[in-house]
Each structure stands twice: as structure tokens, then as C-alpha cells.
N, C-alpha and C. Protein backbone atom coordinates (compact mmCIF):
# COMPACT_ATOMS: atom_id res chain seq x y z
N MET A 1 -10.67 2.27 -10.92
CA MET A 1 -11.82 2.13 -10.05
C MET A 1 -11.95 3.32 -9.11
N GLY A 2 -10.97 4.19 -9.09
CA GLY A 2 -11.03 5.36 -8.24
C GLY A 2 -12.16 6.32 -8.59
N GLN A 3 -12.68 6.23 -9.80
CA GLN A 3 -13.76 7.11 -10.22
C GLN A 3 -15.10 6.38 -10.28
N GLY A 4 -15.19 5.19 -9.70
CA GLY A 4 -16.45 4.46 -9.66
C GLY A 4 -16.83 3.85 -10.99
N ILE A 5 -15.84 3.57 -11.83
CA ILE A 5 -16.09 2.94 -13.12
C ILE A 5 -15.28 1.65 -13.16
N GLY A 6 -15.93 0.56 -13.53
CA GLY A 6 -15.25 -0.71 -13.63
C GLY A 6 -15.71 -1.46 -14.87
N LYS A 7 -14.85 -2.29 -15.37
CA LYS A 7 -15.18 -3.03 -16.59
C LYS A 7 -15.94 -4.30 -16.25
N SER A 8 -17.09 -4.46 -16.87
CA SER A 8 -17.88 -5.68 -16.73
C SER A 8 -18.19 -6.18 -18.15
N ARG A 9 -19.06 -7.14 -18.26
CA ARG A 9 -19.37 -7.70 -19.58
C ARG A 9 -19.90 -6.66 -20.56
N GLY A 10 -20.64 -5.69 -20.06
CA GLY A 10 -21.24 -4.68 -20.92
C GLY A 10 -20.33 -3.51 -21.21
N GLY A 11 -19.08 -3.55 -20.77
CA GLY A 11 -18.16 -2.43 -20.96
C GLY A 11 -17.89 -1.74 -19.63
N PHE A 12 -17.51 -0.50 -19.69
CA PHE A 12 -17.23 0.26 -18.48
C PHE A 12 -18.53 0.78 -17.90
N THR A 13 -18.81 0.41 -16.66
CA THR A 13 -20.07 0.77 -16.02
C THR A 13 -19.86 1.15 -14.56
N SER A 14 -20.92 1.63 -13.95
CA SER A 14 -20.95 1.97 -12.53
C SER A 14 -22.17 1.31 -11.90
N LYS A 15 -22.07 1.05 -10.60
CA LYS A 15 -23.23 0.54 -9.85
C LYS A 15 -23.58 1.52 -8.76
N ILE A 16 -24.85 1.79 -8.66
CA ILE A 16 -25.35 2.65 -7.58
C ILE A 16 -25.95 1.72 -6.53
N HIS A 17 -25.42 1.78 -5.31
CA HIS A 17 -25.90 0.96 -4.21
C HIS A 17 -26.76 1.84 -3.31
N VAL A 18 -27.97 1.38 -3.01
CA VAL A 18 -28.91 2.17 -2.22
C VAL A 18 -29.61 1.29 -1.20
N ALA A 19 -29.79 1.82 0.00
CA ALA A 19 -30.65 1.21 1.01
C ALA A 19 -31.82 2.17 1.22
N THR A 20 -33.05 1.64 1.17
CA THR A 20 -34.22 2.50 1.36
C THR A 20 -34.99 2.05 2.60
N ASP A 21 -35.85 2.93 3.07
CA ASP A 21 -36.73 2.57 4.16
C ASP A 21 -37.98 1.91 3.59
N GLU A 22 -38.96 1.65 4.44
CA GLU A 22 -40.16 0.94 3.99
C GLU A 22 -41.01 1.75 3.03
N ASN A 23 -40.77 3.07 2.96
CA ASN A 23 -41.53 3.92 2.04
C ASN A 23 -40.78 4.20 0.74
N GLY A 24 -39.64 3.58 0.56
CA GLY A 24 -38.87 3.78 -0.66
C GLY A 24 -38.02 5.02 -0.65
N LYS A 25 -37.76 5.60 0.51
CA LYS A 25 -36.90 6.79 0.62
C LYS A 25 -35.47 6.33 0.91
N ALA A 26 -34.52 6.88 0.18
CA ALA A 26 -33.12 6.46 0.30
C ALA A 26 -32.54 6.85 1.66
N MET A 27 -31.81 5.92 2.25
CA MET A 27 -31.13 6.18 3.52
C MET A 27 -29.62 6.19 3.35
N CYS A 28 -29.11 5.45 2.39
CA CYS A 28 -27.67 5.37 2.14
C CYS A 28 -27.46 5.17 0.64
N VAL A 29 -26.54 5.96 0.07
CA VAL A 29 -26.25 5.88 -1.36
C VAL A 29 -24.75 5.95 -1.55
N PHE A 30 -24.20 5.03 -2.34
CA PHE A 30 -22.81 5.14 -2.78
C PHE A 30 -22.64 4.42 -4.10
N ILE A 31 -21.50 4.68 -4.74
CA ILE A 31 -21.26 4.19 -6.10
C ILE A 31 -19.97 3.38 -6.13
N THR A 32 -20.00 2.28 -6.87
CA THR A 32 -18.80 1.47 -7.10
C THR A 32 -18.69 1.20 -8.60
N GLY A 33 -17.60 0.59 -8.98
CA GLY A 33 -17.42 0.19 -10.37
C GLY A 33 -18.37 -0.94 -10.73
N GLY A 34 -18.64 -1.11 -12.00
CA GLY A 34 -19.55 -2.13 -12.46
C GLY A 34 -19.06 -3.54 -12.24
N ASN A 35 -17.76 -3.70 -11.98
CA ASN A 35 -17.20 -5.03 -11.75
C ASN A 35 -17.31 -5.48 -10.30
N VAL A 36 -17.80 -4.65 -9.41
CA VAL A 36 -17.92 -4.98 -7.99
C VAL A 36 -19.24 -5.71 -7.76
N TYR A 37 -19.17 -6.88 -7.15
CA TYR A 37 -20.36 -7.68 -6.90
C TYR A 37 -21.18 -7.06 -5.76
N ASP A 38 -22.50 -7.09 -5.88
CA ASP A 38 -23.39 -6.43 -4.92
C ASP A 38 -23.18 -6.90 -3.48
N SER A 39 -23.04 -8.20 -3.29
CA SER A 39 -23.00 -8.72 -1.92
C SER A 39 -21.74 -8.31 -1.17
N THR A 40 -20.68 -7.90 -1.87
CA THR A 40 -19.47 -7.46 -1.18
C THR A 40 -19.67 -6.11 -0.51
N GLN A 41 -20.70 -5.38 -0.91
CA GLN A 41 -20.96 -4.05 -0.37
C GLN A 41 -22.10 -4.04 0.64
N ALA A 42 -22.65 -5.21 0.98
CA ALA A 42 -23.84 -5.27 1.83
C ALA A 42 -23.59 -4.71 3.23
N GLU A 43 -22.48 -5.09 3.86
CA GLU A 43 -22.22 -4.61 5.22
C GLU A 43 -22.03 -3.10 5.24
N LYS A 44 -21.33 -2.56 4.25
CA LYS A 44 -21.15 -1.12 4.17
C LYS A 44 -22.49 -0.41 3.99
N LEU A 45 -23.35 -1.02 3.20
CA LEU A 45 -24.67 -0.44 2.92
C LEU A 45 -25.56 -0.47 4.16
N LEU A 46 -25.46 -1.55 4.92
CA LEU A 46 -26.34 -1.73 6.08
C LEU A 46 -25.79 -1.14 7.37
N HIS A 47 -24.53 -0.75 7.38
CA HIS A 47 -23.85 -0.35 8.62
C HIS A 47 -24.64 0.66 9.45
N ASN A 48 -25.04 1.76 8.88
CA ASN A 48 -25.75 2.81 9.63
C ASN A 48 -27.24 2.84 9.36
N THR A 49 -27.75 1.90 8.58
CA THR A 49 -29.16 1.99 8.20
C THR A 49 -30.06 0.99 8.92
N ILE A 50 -29.48 -0.02 9.57
CA ILE A 50 -30.33 -1.00 10.24
C ILE A 50 -30.30 -0.79 11.74
N HIS A 51 -31.42 -1.09 12.37
CA HIS A 51 -31.51 -1.07 13.83
C HIS A 51 -32.46 -2.17 14.27
N GLU A 52 -32.40 -2.49 15.52
CA GLU A 52 -33.13 -3.63 16.07
C GLU A 52 -34.63 -3.56 15.77
N GLY A 53 -35.18 -4.71 15.36
CA GLY A 53 -36.61 -4.82 15.16
C GLY A 53 -37.10 -4.51 13.75
N VAL A 54 -36.22 -4.20 12.83
CA VAL A 54 -36.65 -3.92 11.45
C VAL A 54 -36.38 -5.13 10.57
N TYR A 55 -36.85 -5.06 9.35
CA TYR A 55 -36.62 -6.12 8.38
C TYR A 55 -35.58 -5.67 7.37
N VAL A 56 -34.71 -6.57 6.99
CA VAL A 56 -33.80 -6.33 5.87
C VAL A 56 -34.27 -7.23 4.75
N ILE A 57 -34.75 -6.60 3.68
CA ILE A 57 -35.27 -7.34 2.54
C ILE A 57 -34.25 -7.22 1.41
N GLY A 58 -33.83 -8.35 0.91
CA GLY A 58 -32.85 -8.36 -0.18
C GLY A 58 -33.16 -9.48 -1.15
N ASP A 59 -32.57 -9.39 -2.33
CA ASP A 59 -32.78 -10.46 -3.29
C ASP A 59 -31.78 -11.58 -3.07
N LYS A 60 -31.82 -12.58 -3.94
CA LYS A 60 -31.00 -13.78 -3.76
C LYS A 60 -29.51 -13.49 -3.86
N ALA A 61 -29.12 -12.37 -4.45
CA ALA A 61 -27.70 -12.03 -4.55
C ALA A 61 -27.09 -11.80 -3.17
N PHE A 62 -27.91 -11.46 -2.18
CA PHE A 62 -27.41 -11.20 -0.83
C PHE A 62 -27.54 -12.42 0.08
N ASN A 63 -27.78 -13.58 -0.49
CA ASN A 63 -27.95 -14.81 0.28
C ASN A 63 -26.59 -15.47 0.51
N SER A 64 -25.84 -14.95 1.46
CA SER A 64 -24.58 -15.58 1.85
C SER A 64 -24.55 -15.67 3.38
N GLU A 65 -23.82 -16.63 3.87
CA GLU A 65 -23.75 -16.82 5.32
C GLU A 65 -23.21 -15.58 6.02
N GLN A 66 -22.22 -14.94 5.42
CA GLN A 66 -21.61 -13.76 6.03
C GLN A 66 -22.63 -12.64 6.20
N ILE A 67 -23.42 -12.38 5.18
CA ILE A 67 -24.41 -11.30 5.24
C ILE A 67 -25.52 -11.66 6.22
N ILE A 68 -26.00 -12.87 6.18
CA ILE A 68 -27.07 -13.29 7.07
C ILE A 68 -26.63 -13.23 8.53
N LYS A 69 -25.40 -13.66 8.81
CA LYS A 69 -24.88 -13.57 10.18
C LYS A 69 -24.75 -12.11 10.62
N TYR A 70 -24.31 -11.25 9.72
CA TYR A 70 -24.19 -9.82 10.05
C TYR A 70 -25.55 -9.23 10.39
N ILE A 71 -26.56 -9.58 9.60
CA ILE A 71 -27.92 -9.07 9.84
C ILE A 71 -28.45 -9.58 11.17
N GLU A 72 -28.31 -10.88 11.42
CA GLU A 72 -28.83 -11.47 12.65
C GLU A 72 -28.05 -11.01 13.88
N LYS A 73 -26.77 -10.71 13.72
CA LYS A 73 -25.95 -10.21 14.83
C LYS A 73 -26.48 -8.86 15.32
N ASN A 74 -27.05 -8.08 14.40
CA ASN A 74 -27.61 -6.78 14.74
C ASN A 74 -29.07 -6.85 15.17
N ARG A 75 -29.55 -8.06 15.44
CA ARG A 75 -30.93 -8.30 15.91
C ARG A 75 -31.97 -7.75 14.95
N VAL A 76 -31.75 -8.03 13.68
CA VAL A 76 -32.65 -7.59 12.62
C VAL A 76 -33.21 -8.84 11.95
N ILE A 77 -34.43 -8.74 11.47
CA ILE A 77 -35.08 -9.88 10.83
C ILE A 77 -34.66 -9.92 9.36
N CYS A 78 -34.11 -11.03 8.95
CA CYS A 78 -33.59 -11.21 7.59
C CYS A 78 -34.67 -11.79 6.68
N VAL A 79 -34.99 -11.07 5.61
CA VAL A 79 -35.97 -11.53 4.64
C VAL A 79 -35.27 -11.62 3.28
N ILE A 80 -34.47 -12.65 3.13
CA ILE A 80 -33.73 -12.89 1.90
C ILE A 80 -34.01 -14.32 1.48
N PRO A 81 -34.59 -14.52 0.29
CA PRO A 81 -34.89 -15.89 -0.13
C PRO A 81 -33.60 -16.66 -0.41
N PRO A 82 -33.58 -17.95 -0.09
CA PRO A 82 -32.37 -18.75 -0.37
C PRO A 82 -32.28 -19.08 -1.86
N ARG A 83 -31.05 -19.25 -2.32
CA ARG A 83 -30.85 -19.70 -3.70
C ARG A 83 -31.28 -21.15 -3.81
N LYS A 84 -31.63 -21.57 -5.01
CA LYS A 84 -32.08 -22.95 -5.21
C LYS A 84 -30.98 -23.97 -4.95
N ASN A 85 -29.72 -23.58 -5.19
CA ASN A 85 -28.62 -24.52 -5.02
C ASN A 85 -28.08 -24.58 -3.59
N ARG A 86 -28.71 -23.88 -2.66
CA ARG A 86 -28.28 -23.89 -1.27
C ARG A 86 -28.65 -25.24 -0.63
N LYS A 87 -27.71 -25.82 0.12
CA LYS A 87 -27.95 -27.14 0.72
C LYS A 87 -29.04 -27.08 1.78
N GLU A 88 -28.97 -26.08 2.67
CA GLU A 88 -30.00 -25.90 3.69
C GLU A 88 -30.90 -24.75 3.27
N GLN A 89 -32.12 -25.05 2.92
CA GLN A 89 -33.07 -24.02 2.53
C GLN A 89 -33.62 -23.35 3.78
N ARG A 90 -33.45 -22.03 3.86
CA ARG A 90 -33.96 -21.27 5.01
C ARG A 90 -35.40 -20.83 4.74
N GLU A 91 -36.12 -20.61 5.80
CA GLU A 91 -37.45 -20.03 5.69
C GLU A 91 -37.33 -18.51 5.66
N TYR A 92 -38.24 -17.85 4.98
CA TYR A 92 -38.30 -16.39 4.98
C TYR A 92 -39.75 -15.97 4.84
N HIS A 93 -40.06 -14.74 5.22
CA HIS A 93 -41.42 -14.22 5.18
C HIS A 93 -41.77 -13.80 3.75
N LYS A 94 -42.54 -14.62 3.07
CA LYS A 94 -42.88 -14.35 1.67
C LYS A 94 -43.76 -13.12 1.52
N ASP A 95 -44.65 -12.88 2.50
CA ASP A 95 -45.51 -11.70 2.43
C ASP A 95 -44.71 -10.42 2.60
N ILE A 96 -43.73 -10.43 3.49
CA ILE A 96 -42.89 -9.25 3.70
C ILE A 96 -41.97 -9.04 2.50
N TYR A 97 -41.51 -10.13 1.89
CA TYR A 97 -40.61 -10.04 0.74
C TYR A 97 -41.27 -9.31 -0.44
N LYS A 98 -42.59 -9.33 -0.50
CA LYS A 98 -43.30 -8.63 -1.57
C LYS A 98 -43.03 -7.13 -1.54
N ASN A 99 -42.61 -6.60 -0.40
CA ASN A 99 -42.31 -5.16 -0.28
C ASN A 99 -40.98 -4.78 -0.92
N ARG A 100 -40.24 -5.75 -1.45
CA ARG A 100 -38.97 -5.44 -2.09
C ARG A 100 -39.16 -4.58 -3.33
N ASN A 101 -40.38 -4.52 -3.83
CA ASN A 101 -40.63 -3.68 -5.00
C ASN A 101 -40.37 -2.20 -4.73
N GLN A 102 -40.30 -1.81 -3.45
CA GLN A 102 -40.00 -0.41 -3.11
C GLN A 102 -38.66 0.01 -3.69
N ILE A 103 -37.65 -0.83 -3.55
CA ILE A 103 -36.32 -0.49 -4.07
C ILE A 103 -36.32 -0.50 -5.60
N GLU A 104 -37.07 -1.42 -6.19
CA GLU A 104 -37.16 -1.46 -7.65
C GLU A 104 -37.82 -0.19 -8.17
N ARG A 105 -38.87 0.27 -7.51
CA ARG A 105 -39.53 1.50 -7.92
C ARG A 105 -38.62 2.71 -7.74
N PHE A 106 -37.81 2.68 -6.66
CA PHE A 106 -36.86 3.77 -6.44
C PHE A 106 -35.88 3.86 -7.60
N PHE A 107 -35.33 2.72 -8.02
CA PHE A 107 -34.37 2.73 -9.12
C PHE A 107 -35.03 3.13 -10.43
N ASN A 108 -36.28 2.78 -10.64
CA ASN A 108 -36.99 3.21 -11.85
C ASN A 108 -37.14 4.73 -11.87
N ARG A 109 -37.44 5.33 -10.71
CA ARG A 109 -37.53 6.80 -10.65
C ARG A 109 -36.15 7.44 -10.87
N LEU A 110 -35.11 6.81 -10.33
CA LEU A 110 -33.75 7.34 -10.48
C LEU A 110 -33.31 7.29 -11.94
N LYS A 111 -33.69 6.25 -12.66
CA LYS A 111 -33.30 6.11 -14.06
C LYS A 111 -34.04 7.06 -14.99
N GLN A 112 -35.05 7.74 -14.47
CA GLN A 112 -35.74 8.75 -15.29
C GLN A 112 -34.85 9.97 -15.51
N PHE A 113 -33.83 10.12 -14.69
CA PHE A 113 -32.86 11.19 -14.88
C PHE A 113 -31.84 10.70 -15.91
N ARG A 114 -31.94 11.23 -17.11
CA ARG A 114 -31.15 10.73 -18.24
C ARG A 114 -29.65 10.78 -17.96
N ARG A 115 -29.21 11.81 -17.30
CA ARG A 115 -27.78 11.97 -17.04
C ARG A 115 -27.26 10.90 -16.09
N ILE A 116 -28.12 10.39 -15.23
CA ILE A 116 -27.73 9.30 -14.33
C ILE A 116 -27.77 7.97 -15.08
N ALA A 117 -28.80 7.76 -15.87
CA ALA A 117 -28.94 6.50 -16.59
C ALA A 117 -27.79 6.27 -17.57
N THR A 118 -27.23 7.35 -18.13
CA THR A 118 -26.16 7.20 -19.11
C THR A 118 -24.78 7.52 -18.56
N ARG A 119 -24.69 8.04 -17.35
CA ARG A 119 -23.43 8.44 -16.70
C ARG A 119 -22.57 9.28 -17.63
N TYR A 120 -22.98 10.52 -17.83
CA TYR A 120 -22.19 11.45 -18.64
C TYR A 120 -20.94 11.93 -17.90
N ASP A 121 -21.01 11.98 -16.58
CA ASP A 121 -19.91 12.53 -15.79
C ASP A 121 -18.74 11.57 -15.68
N LYS A 122 -17.54 12.07 -15.87
CA LYS A 122 -16.35 11.23 -15.74
C LYS A 122 -15.93 11.08 -14.29
N LEU A 123 -16.06 12.13 -13.51
CA LEU A 123 -15.58 12.13 -12.13
C LEU A 123 -16.63 11.57 -11.18
N LEU A 124 -16.18 10.75 -10.25
CA LEU A 124 -17.08 10.14 -9.27
C LEU A 124 -17.77 11.22 -8.44
N PHE A 125 -17.04 12.26 -8.04
CA PHE A 125 -17.60 13.32 -7.20
C PHE A 125 -18.80 13.98 -7.88
N SER A 126 -18.67 14.32 -9.15
CA SER A 126 -19.78 15.00 -9.83
C SER A 126 -20.94 14.05 -10.09
N PHE A 127 -20.64 12.78 -10.40
CA PHE A 127 -21.71 11.81 -10.63
C PHE A 127 -22.47 11.53 -9.33
N LEU A 128 -21.74 11.34 -8.23
CA LEU A 128 -22.39 11.09 -6.94
C LEU A 128 -23.21 12.30 -6.51
N SER A 129 -22.71 13.50 -6.77
CA SER A 129 -23.47 14.71 -6.44
C SER A 129 -24.79 14.76 -7.20
N LEU A 130 -24.74 14.39 -8.47
CA LEU A 130 -25.94 14.37 -9.29
C LEU A 130 -26.92 13.30 -8.80
N VAL A 131 -26.41 12.14 -8.43
CA VAL A 131 -27.26 11.07 -7.89
C VAL A 131 -27.92 11.55 -6.59
N GLN A 132 -27.14 12.20 -5.72
CA GLN A 132 -27.71 12.70 -4.47
C GLN A 132 -28.78 13.77 -4.71
N LEU A 133 -28.55 14.63 -5.69
CA LEU A 133 -29.56 15.63 -6.04
C LEU A 133 -30.84 14.95 -6.54
N ALA A 134 -30.69 13.93 -7.37
CA ALA A 134 -31.85 13.19 -7.86
C ALA A 134 -32.59 12.51 -6.71
N VAL A 135 -31.84 11.97 -5.74
CA VAL A 135 -32.46 11.34 -4.57
C VAL A 135 -33.29 12.35 -3.80
N VAL A 136 -32.78 13.57 -3.65
CA VAL A 136 -33.53 14.62 -2.96
C VAL A 136 -34.79 14.95 -3.74
N LEU A 137 -34.68 15.09 -5.06
CA LEU A 137 -35.86 15.41 -5.86
C LEU A 137 -36.89 14.29 -5.83
N ILE A 138 -36.44 13.05 -5.76
CA ILE A 138 -37.37 11.93 -5.66
C ILE A 138 -38.05 11.92 -4.29
N THR A 139 -37.31 12.30 -3.27
CA THR A 139 -37.81 12.22 -1.89
C THR A 139 -38.80 13.32 -1.57
N ILE A 140 -38.58 14.52 -2.13
CA ILE A 140 -39.47 15.64 -1.84
C ILE A 140 -40.83 15.35 -2.46
N PRO A 141 -41.90 15.51 -1.67
CA PRO A 141 -43.23 15.27 -2.24
C PRO A 141 -43.56 16.30 -3.29
N LYS A 142 -44.29 15.87 -4.28
CA LYS A 142 -44.70 16.75 -5.38
C LYS A 142 -45.88 17.61 -4.93
N PHE A 143 -45.75 18.92 -5.08
CA PHE A 143 -46.84 19.83 -4.75
C PHE A 143 -47.63 20.13 -6.01
N PRO A 144 -48.93 20.27 -5.88
CA PRO A 144 -49.72 20.61 -7.07
C PRO A 144 -49.36 22.01 -7.55
N SER A 145 -49.25 22.18 -8.83
CA SER A 145 -48.90 23.49 -9.37
C SER A 145 -50.13 24.40 -9.33
N ILE A 146 -49.87 25.65 -9.10
CA ILE A 146 -50.95 26.65 -9.04
C ILE A 146 -51.00 27.30 -10.41
N VAL A 147 -52.10 27.07 -11.11
CA VAL A 147 -52.23 27.63 -12.45
C VAL A 147 -53.47 28.48 -12.52
């Protein structure tokens, strides 16, 4: 796991964890092995990216008491839908939750880089460097070409 590769059902894989702002621009990026569950990395992901008065939008995988308490402790509004099997169903802002597509669109743009989608690099350092370069290229606005 030292190189960000872990064995999951699909074989040896990696997970890219990203927090984006409301415009879909990456604020925090790191990589773990494919066997690491998303919610275990939530506090690390949110540590330097959240501040008072913003919304944290996440999917049902992040619906745990520990994560919700961490978010609310930082005076941030939690927009995470509860799982169906949860005993106490929480309310959440359904209109704000619709903005979660920003992160999905970010990952779709990231997967357009073939080398990232297939993880050709063995070393975590080189793979993370490539992911960071792709994040920069995604973030920079496209200028019209002069022809």
C-alpha cells in the first residue's frame, strides 16, 4: 500500500480522493489503495478545505455519525443524504445536493487522461505528479486558438 495500490474485487487498483469547490476546481487531491474505503479518508480530505458557512456535499458513502459530527463541529452545513437503512432519517437540502454533479464532472475530465485512467505508473510519486498536472490542465481555462 506504500505505492497507493491496493487489492480490491477488481484486482490491484488505486483511488483518487478529491475535494472541489463549487465550480468544480480541485482543492485537495491524494491517492490511496483501491482497498481503502472512501469514508475513512473524509476528515483528511476536508481538513484544510472547509471553512465556516460553506456546504459539504457528499454521497451516501459519507453518511456516518463520525463524519457528520466532524462537519458540524467545523460549523459547516452538511448536505449528505441518509442511507435507507439508517434508523433516524436526517433532513438534507435536496436542491443543494443537485450540485454534487460538479465532482462527477471533474472525475470525467480527469479520466480523459488515458495514463491516469489506466495507471501506467508504478510509483505513487510519479502517478500523483501526473494527476496533479492533469488537475492543473483541467483548472486552467481554455483559450481560443489563433488560426
